[in-house]
Structures are given as C-alpha cells and as structure tokens.
Amino acid sequence: MLLSALAQSQTVQGSVTDGQGELLPGVTVLLKGTSTGTSTNADGTYVHPDTNR
C-alpha cells in the first residue's frame, strides 16, 4: 500500500491594530509555533504567502 500526503498551501493575511483600532505599520507577525513571519506594511496590513500548516 502506497500512501502519500500533500501539504496544502494557503495565504495568511490580515491587519494589526492598536487598542483604538488604528492600523500599525512595521509590526512583526510570526506564525504561531514557528520562527516564520513577515511585517506589516505602511498601512498596517500583511500577507504571508505559501504557508504550509
């Protein structure tokens, strides 16, 4: 019997805000349980493509 597993890729994206709802640029966003991450851009949003989770 031959079994194979394929990792599914997905994109993680979002925004980071402070307590007043203001978007925060330059914040580091790490994927939980990893050292893989990205930073928010000038408008406080981020995109981390090809995440195998």
C-alpha atoms as a PDB file:
ATOM      1  CA  MET A   1       0.000   0.000   0.000  1.00  0.00           C
ATOM      2  CA  LEU A   2       1.393   3.383  -1.016  1.00  0.00           C
ATOM      3  CA  LEU A   3       0.273   6.432   0.926  1.00  0.00           C
ATOM      4  CA  SER A   4       1.233   9.963   0.094  1.00  0.00           C
ATOM      5  CA  ALA A   5       0.416  13.233   1.765  1.00  0.00           C
ATOM      6  CA  LEU A   6       0.426  16.593   0.122  1.00  0.00           C
ATOM      7  CA  ALA A   7       0.865  19.751   2.137  1.00  0.00           C
ATOM      8  CA  GLN A   8      -1.727  22.316   1.301  1.00  0.00           C
ATOM      9  CA  SER A   9      -0.567  25.863   0.792  1.00  0.00           C
ATOM     10  CA  GLN A  10      -2.564  28.791   1.991  1.00  0.00           C
ATOM     11  CA  THR A  11      -2.018  32.505   2.329  1.00  0.00           C
ATOM     12  CA  VAL A  12      -2.305  34.150   5.723  1.00  0.00           C
ATOM     13  CA  GLN A  13      -3.229  37.815   5.615  1.00  0.00           C
ATOM     14  CA  GLY A  14      -4.636  40.459   7.907  1.00  0.00           C
ATOM     15  CA  SER A  15      -4.017  43.706   9.688  1.00  0.00           C
ATOM     16  CA  VAL A  16      -2.667  44.769  13.067  1.00  0.00           C
ATOM     17  CA  THR A  17      -4.387  47.474  15.105  1.00  0.00           C
ATOM     18  CA  ASP A  18      -3.854  49.139  18.448  1.00  0.00           C
ATOM     19  CA  GLY A  19      -6.437  49.468  21.237  1.00  0.00           C
ATOM     20  CA  GLN A  20      -8.147  52.354  19.458  1.00  0.00           C
ATOM     21  CA  GLY A  21      -8.386  50.487  16.141  1.00  0.00           C
ATOM     22  CA  GLU A  22      -5.570  52.400  14.442  1.00  0.00           C
ATOM     23  CA  LEU A  23      -3.578  50.328  11.924  1.00  0.00           C
ATOM     24  CA  LEU A  24       0.061  49.734  12.924  1.00  0.00           C
ATOM     25  CA  PRO A  25       2.870  49.734  10.326  1.00  0.00           C
ATOM     26  CA  GLY A  26       6.155  47.883  10.896  1.00  0.00           C
ATOM     27  CA  VAL A  27       4.836  45.225  13.295  1.00  0.00           C
ATOM     28  CA  THR A  28       6.395  41.753  13.074  1.00  0.00           C
ATOM     29  CA  VAL A  29       3.821  38.976  12.637  1.00  0.00           C
ATOM     30  CA  LEU A  30       5.031  35.419  13.380  1.00  0.00           C
ATOM     31  CA  LEU A  31       3.177  32.229  12.517  1.00  0.00           C
ATOM     32  CA  LYS A  32       2.337  30.503  15.786  1.00  0.00           C
ATOM     33  CA  GLY A  33       4.763  27.732  16.693  1.00  0.00           C
ATOM     34  CA  THR A  34       7.323  28.800  14.068  1.00  0.00           C
ATOM     35  CA  SER A  35      10.018  31.385  13.511  1.00  0.00           C
ATOM     36  CA  THR A  36       8.479  32.229  10.124  1.00  0.00           C
ATOM     37  CA  GLY A  37       6.959  35.638   9.775  1.00  0.00           C
ATOM     38  CA  THR A  38       6.538  38.927   7.992  1.00  0.00           C
ATOM     39  CA  SER A  39       5.978  42.583   8.839  1.00  0.00           C
ATOM     40  CA  THR A  40       3.028  44.866   8.368  1.00  0.00           C
ATOM     41  CA  ASN A  41       3.399  47.390   5.568  1.00  0.00           C
ATOM     42  CA  ALA A  42       2.797  51.160   5.716  1.00  0.00           C
ATOM     43  CA  ASP A  43      -0.976  50.707   6.005  1.00  0.00           C
ATOM     44  CA  GLY A  44      -0.770  48.093   8.794  1.00  0.00           C
ATOM     45  CA  THR A  45      -1.605  45.056   6.659  1.00  0.00           C
ATOM     46  CA  TYR A  46       0.409  41.913   5.978  1.00  0.00           C
ATOM     47  CA  VAL A  47       0.397  38.933   3.626  1.00  0.00           C
ATOM     48  CA  HIS A  48       2.345  35.727   4.264  1.00  0.00           C
ATOM     49  CA  PRO A  49       2.050  33.517   1.171  1.00  0.00           C
ATOM     50  CA  ASP A  50       2.550  29.760   0.817  1.00  0.00           C
ATOM     51  CA  THR A  51       2.015  28.779   4.417  1.00  0.00           C
ATOM     52  CA  ASN A  52       2.057  25.011   4.959  1.00  0.00           C
ATOM     53  CA  ARG A  53       0.076  24.434   8.162  1.00  0.00           C
END
